[in-house]
Amino acid sequence: YVYHSSKWMVAGNADSPVPPRVYVHPDSLASGDTWMRQVVSFDKLKLTNNELDDQGH
């Protein structure tokens, strides 16, 4: 959209849908009791939205 002459107007095509990329961690289906039995540390954490990741993550 573009704001022109005091109103919003369509200015091009919409973004194409992003293909779903799901990674199911082996512990992801654990209950809260399971998670509370061990220390959970976020000292080393990688977040990315890199679509060129060779491993699909």
PDB file of N, CA and C in Angstrom:
ATOM      1  N   TYR A   1       0.830  -1.188   0.000  1.00  0.00           N
ATOM      2  CA  TYR A   1       0.000   0.000   0.000  1.00  0.00           C
ATOM      3  C   TYR A   1       0.875   1.252   0.000  1.00  0.00           C
ATOM      4  N   VAL A   2       0.280   2.340  -0.485  1.00  0.00           N
ATOM      5  CA  VAL A   2       0.935   3.643  -0.473  1.00  0.00           C
ATOM      6  C   VAL A   2      -0.108   4.670  -0.035  1.00  0.00           C
ATOM      7  N   TYR A   3       0.342   5.616   0.764  1.00  0.00           N
ATOM      8  CA  TYR A   3      -0.554   6.679   1.213  1.00  0.00           C
ATOM      9  C   TYR A   3      -0.422   7.837   0.245  1.00  0.00           C
ATOM     10  N   HIS A   4      -1.467   8.112  -0.521  1.00  0.00           N
ATOM     11  CA  HIS A   4      -1.417   9.138  -1.564  1.00  0.00           C
ATOM     12  C   HIS A   4      -2.728   9.923  -1.560  1.00  0.00           C
ATOM     13  N   SER A   5      -2.625  11.226  -1.596  1.00  0.00           N
ATOM     14  CA  SER A   5      -3.812  12.102  -1.607  1.00  0.00           C
ATOM     15  C   SER A   5      -4.754  11.811  -0.442  1.00  0.00           C
ATOM     16  N   SER A   6      -4.170  11.657   0.738  1.00  0.00           N
ATOM     17  CA  SER A   6      -4.926  11.457   1.993  1.00  0.00           C
ATOM     18  C   SER A   6      -5.703  10.147   2.048  1.00  0.00           C
ATOM     19  N   LYS A   7      -5.271   9.143   1.287  1.00  0.00           N
ATOM     20  CA  LYS A   7      -5.903   7.825   1.398  1.00  0.00           C
ATOM     21  C   LYS A   7      -4.910   6.732   1.005  1.00  0.00           C
ATOM     22  N   TRP A   8      -5.172   5.508   1.504  1.00  0.00           N
ATOM     23  CA  TRP A   8      -4.337   4.354   1.206  1.00  0.00           C
ATOM     24  C   TRP A   8      -4.777   3.746  -0.115  1.00  0.00           C
ATOM     25  N   MET A   9      -3.788   3.368  -0.934  1.00  0.00           N
ATOM     26  CA  MET A   9      -4.077   2.753  -2.230  1.00  0.00           C
ATOM     27  C   MET A   9      -3.176   1.532  -2.417  1.00  0.00           C
ATOM     28  N   VAL A  10      -3.667   0.563  -3.180  1.00  0.00           N
ATOM     29  CA  VAL A  10      -2.868  -0.618  -3.494  1.00  0.00           C
ATOM     30  C   VAL A  10      -1.722  -0.191  -4.399  1.00  0.00           C
ATOM     31  N   ALA A  11      -0.494  -0.648  -4.059  1.00  0.00           N
ATOM     32  CA  ALA A  11       0.680  -0.205  -4.819  1.00  0.00           C
ATOM     33  C   ALA A  11       1.481  -1.352  -5.419  1.00  0.00           C
ATOM     34  N   GLY A  12       0.944  -2.536  -5.442  1.00  0.00           N
ATOM     35  CA  GLY A  12       1.693  -3.651  -6.019  1.00  0.00           C
ATOM     36  C   GLY A  12       1.136  -4.981  -5.563  1.00  0.00           C
ATOM     37  N   ASN A  13       1.838  -6.026  -5.943  1.00  0.00           N
ATOM     38  CA  ASN A  13       1.420  -7.380  -5.582  1.00  0.00           C
ATOM     39  C   ASN A  13       1.755  -7.681  -4.127  1.00  0.00           C
ATOM     40  N   ALA A  14       1.006  -8.585  -3.551  1.00  0.00           N
ATOM     41  CA  ALA A  14       1.261  -9.025  -2.181  1.00  0.00           C
ATOM     42  C   ALA A  14       2.501  -9.908  -2.140  1.00  0.00           C
ATOM     43  N   ASP A  15       3.080 -10.056  -0.953  1.00  0.00           N
ATOM     44  CA  ASP A  15       4.217 -10.960  -0.777  1.00  0.00           C
ATOM     45  C   ASP A  15       3.757 -12.394  -0.995  1.00  0.00           C
ATOM     46  N   SER A  16       4.625 -13.210  -1.563  1.00  0.00           N
ATOM     47  CA  SER A  16       4.288 -14.620  -1.745  1.00  0.00           C
ATOM     48  C   SER A  16       4.332 -15.325  -0.393  1.00  0.00           C
ATOM     49  N   PRO A  17       3.496 -16.348  -0.199  1.00  0.00           N
ATOM     50  CA  PRO A  17       3.481 -17.055   1.083  1.00  0.00           C
ATOM     51  C   PRO A  17       4.823 -17.734   1.360  1.00  0.00           C
ATOM     52  N   VAL A  18       5.209 -17.726   2.616  1.00  0.00           N
ATOM     53  CA  VAL A  18       6.462 -18.352   3.039  1.00  0.00           C
ATOM     54  C   VAL A  18       6.202 -19.839   3.256  1.00  0.00           C
ATOM     55  N   PRO A  19       7.028 -20.722   2.671  1.00  0.00           N
ATOM     56  CA  PRO A  19       6.818 -22.158   2.893  1.00  0.00           C
ATOM     57  C   PRO A  19       7.090 -22.513   4.351  1.00  0.00           C
ATOM     58  N   PRO A  20       6.275 -23.386   4.926  1.00  0.00           N
ATOM     59  CA  PRO A  20       6.485 -23.754   6.332  1.00  0.00           C
ATOM     60  C   PRO A  20       7.787 -24.527   6.503  1.00  0.00           C
ATOM     61  N   ARG A  21       8.548 -24.156   7.519  1.00  0.00           N
ATOM     62  CA  ARG A  21       9.788 -24.860   7.854  1.00  0.00           C
ATOM     63  C   ARG A  21       9.714 -25.209   9.333  1.00  0.00           C
ATOM     64  N   VAL A  22       9.351 -26.424   9.629  1.00  0.00           N
ATOM     65  CA  VAL A  22       9.152 -26.845  11.005  1.00  0.00           C
ATOM     66  C   VAL A  22      10.253 -27.811  11.401  1.00  0.00           C
ATOM     67  N   TYR A  23      10.861 -27.561  12.552  1.00  0.00           N
ATOM     68  CA  TYR A  23      11.842 -28.481  13.118  1.00  0.00           C
ATOM     69  C   TYR A  23      11.292 -28.951  14.452  1.00  0.00           C
ATOM     70  N   VAL A  24      11.013 -30.227  14.584  1.00  0.00           N
ATOM     71  CA  VAL A  24      10.503 -30.776  15.832  1.00  0.00           C
ATOM     72  C   VAL A  24      11.684 -31.274  16.645  1.00  0.00           C
ATOM     73  N   HIS A  25      11.929 -30.615  17.766  1.00  0.00           N
ATOM     74  CA  HIS A  25      13.021 -31.008  18.659  1.00  0.00           C
ATOM     75  C   HIS A  25      12.632 -32.307  19.355  1.00  0.00           C
ATOM     76  N   PRO A  26      13.591 -33.207  19.583  1.00  0.00           N
ATOM     77  CA  PRO A  26      13.260 -34.492  20.211  1.00  0.00           C
ATOM     78  C   PRO A  26      12.624 -34.345  21.591  1.00  0.00           C
ATOM     79  N   ASP A  27      12.921 -33.264  22.312  1.00  0.00           N
ATOM     80  CA  ASP A  27      12.340 -33.060  23.640  1.00  0.00           C
ATOM     81  C   ASP A  27      11.099 -32.180  23.609  1.00  0.00           C
ATOM     82  N   SER A  28      10.646 -31.777  22.428  1.00  0.00           N
ATOM     83  CA  SER A  28       9.565 -30.793  22.354  1.00  0.00           C
ATOM     84  C   SER A  28       8.225 -31.330  22.843  1.00  0.00           C
ATOM     85  N   LEU A  29       8.036 -32.603  22.801  1.00  0.00           N
ATOM     86  CA  LEU A  29       6.764 -33.165  23.240  1.00  0.00           C
ATOM     87  C   LEU A  29       6.769 -33.524  24.720  1.00  0.00           C
ATOM     88  N   ALA A  30       7.795 -33.096  25.441  1.00  0.00           N
ATOM     89  CA  ALA A  30       7.911 -33.404  26.862  1.00  0.00           C
ATOM     90  C   ALA A  30       6.919 -32.575  27.672  1.00  0.00           C
ATOM     91  N   SER A  31       6.473 -33.145  28.777  1.00  0.00           N
ATOM     92  CA  SER A  31       5.556 -32.423  29.667  1.00  0.00           C
ATOM     93  C   SER A  31       6.339 -31.440  30.540  1.00  0.00           C
ATOM     94  N   GLY A  32       5.631 -30.588  31.245  1.00  0.00           N
ATOM     95  CA  GLY A  32       6.277 -29.633  32.145  1.00  0.00           C
ATOM     96  C   GLY A  32       7.085 -30.324  33.228  1.00  0.00           C
ATOM     97  N   ASP A  33       6.588 -31.461  33.729  1.00  0.00           N
ATOM     98  CA  ASP A  33       7.331 -32.216  34.751  1.00  0.00           C
ATOM     99  C   ASP A  33       8.699 -32.640  34.231  1.00  0.00           C
ATOM    100  N   THR A  34       8.753 -33.077  33.002  1.00  0.00           N
ATOM    101  CA  THR A  34      10.021 -33.498  32.405  1.00  0.00           C
ATOM    102  C   THR A  34      10.988 -32.335  32.308  1.00  0.00           C
ATOM    103  N   TRP A  35      10.506 -31.164  31.861  1.00  0.00           N
ATOM    104  CA  TRP A  35      11.378 -29.992  31.734  1.00  0.00           C
ATOM    105  C   TRP A  35      11.884 -29.522  33.089  1.00  0.00           C
ATOM    106  N   MET A  36      11.087 -29.666  34.134  1.00  0.00           N
ATOM    107  CA  MET A  36      11.479 -29.178  35.457  1.00  0.00           C
ATOM    108  C   MET A  36      12.473 -30.104  36.149  1.00  0.00           C
ATOM    109  N   ARG A  37      12.693 -31.304  35.636  1.00  0.00           N
ATOM    110  CA  ARG A  37      13.648 -32.238  36.242  1.00  0.00           C
ATOM    111  C   ARG A  37      15.095 -31.876  35.965  1.00  0.00           C
ATOM    112  N   GLN A  38      15.346 -31.082  34.955  1.00  0.00           N
ATOM    113  CA  GLN A  38      16.720 -30.738  34.592  1.00  0.00           C
ATOM    114  C   GLN A  38      16.843 -29.234  34.396  1.00  0.00           C
ATOM    115  N   VAL A  39      18.067 -28.737  34.464  1.00  0.00           N
ATOM    116  CA  VAL A  39      18.325 -27.319  34.264  1.00  0.00           C
ATOM    117  C   VAL A  39      18.214 -27.001  32.776  1.00  0.00           C
ATOM    118  N   VAL A  40      17.505 -25.948  32.453  1.00  0.00           N
ATOM    119  CA  VAL A  40      17.398 -25.485  31.074  1.00  0.00           C
ATOM    120  C   VAL A  40      18.222 -24.219  30.962  1.00  0.00           C
ATOM    121  N   SER A  41      19.202 -24.218  30.058  1.00  0.00           N
ATOM    122  CA  SER A  41      20.101 -23.078  29.912  1.00  0.00           C
ATOM    123  C   SER A  41      19.993 -22.503  28.511  1.00  0.00           C
ATOM    124  N   PHE A  42      19.971 -21.182  28.434  1.00  0.00           N
ATOM    125  CA  PHE A  42      19.939 -20.504  27.151  1.00  0.00           C
ATOM    126  C   PHE A  42      21.250 -19.765  26.912  1.00  0.00           C
ATOM    127  N   ASP A  43      22.346 -20.264  27.477  1.00  0.00           N
ATOM    128  CA  ASP A  43      23.659 -19.641  27.289  1.00  0.00           C
ATOM    129  C   ASP A  43      24.067 -19.655  25.822  1.00  0.00           C
ATOM    130  N   LYS A  44      23.710 -20.712  25.119  1.00  0.00           N
ATOM    131  CA  LYS A  44      24.047 -20.812  23.700  1.00  0.00           C
ATOM    132  C   LYS A  44      22.749 -21.020  22.930  1.00  0.00           C
ATOM    133  N   LEU A  45      22.365 -20.021  22.163  1.00  0.00           N
ATOM    134  CA  LEU A  45      21.104 -20.061  21.447  1.00  0.00           C
ATOM    135  C   LEU A  45      21.279 -19.367  20.112  1.00  0.00           C
ATOM    136  N   LYS A  46      20.788 -19.980  19.053  1.00  0.00           N
ATOM    137  CA  LYS A  46      20.890 -19.381  17.725  1.00  0.00           C
ATOM    138  C   LYS A  46      19.487 -19.222  17.151  1.00  0.00           C
ATOM    139  N   LEU A  47      19.142 -17.988  16.823  1.00  0.00           N
ATOM    140  CA  LEU A  47      17.881 -17.703  16.152  1.00  0.00           C
ATOM    141  C   LEU A  47      18.206 -17.174  14.771  1.00  0.00           C
ATOM    142  N   THR A  48      17.515 -17.676  13.774  1.00  0.00           N
ATOM    143  CA  THR A  48      17.788 -17.218  12.422  1.00  0.00           C
ATOM    144  C   THR A  48      16.529 -17.296  11.571  1.00  0.00           C
ATOM    145  N   ASN A  49      16.470 -16.456  10.584  1.00  0.00           N
ATOM    146  CA  ASN A  49      15.421 -16.556   9.576  1.00  0.00           C
ATOM    147  C   ASN A  49      16.056 -16.723   8.200  1.00  0.00           C
ATOM    148  N   ASN A  50      17.247 -17.296   8.189  1.00  0.00           N
ATOM    149  CA  ASN A  50      18.003 -17.497   6.959  1.00  0.00           C
ATOM    150  C   ASN A  50      17.356 -18.610   6.139  1.00  0.00           C
ATOM    151  N   GLU A  51      16.751 -18.254   5.018  1.00  0.00           N
ATOM    152  CA  GLU A  51      16.098 -19.260   4.181  1.00  0.00           C
ATOM    153  C   GLU A  51      17.095 -20.087   3.382  1.00  0.00           C
ATOM    154  N   LEU A  52      18.369 -19.716   3.385  1.00  0.00           N
ATOM    155  CA  LEU A  52      19.378 -20.446   2.623  1.00  0.00           C
ATOM    156  C   LEU A  52      20.107 -21.487   3.469  1.00  0.00           C
ATOM    157  N   ASP A  53      19.627 -21.742   4.688  1.00  0.00           N
ATOM    158  CA  ASP A  53      20.236 -22.724   5.574  1.00  0.00           C
ATOM    159  C   ASP A  53      20.171 -24.102   4.916  1.00  0.00           C
ATOM    160  N   ASP A  54      21.311 -24.753   4.763  1.00  0.00           N
ATOM    161  CA  ASP A  54      21.376 -26.057   4.093  1.00  0.00           C
ATOM    162  C   ASP A  54      20.635 -27.153   4.848  1.00  0.00           C
ATOM    163  N   GLN A  55      20.483 -27.000   6.168  1.00  0.00           N
ATOM    164  CA  GLN A  55      19.846 -28.035   6.970  1.00  0.00           C
ATOM    165  C   GLN A  55      18.343 -27.817   7.120  1.00  0.00           C
ATOM    166  N   GLY A  56      17.819 -26.746   6.550  1.00  0.00           N
ATOM    167  CA  GLY A  56      16.386 -26.496   6.624  1.00  0.00           C
ATOM    168  C   GLY A  56      15.912 -25.951   7.946  1.00  0.00           C
ATOM    169  N   HIS A  57      16.836 -25.439   8.754  1.00  0.00           N
ATOM    170  CA  HIS A  57      16.450 -24.893  10.062  1.00  0.00           C
ATOM    171  C   HIS A  57      16.354 -23.398   9.984  1.00  0.00           C
TER     172      HIS A  57
END
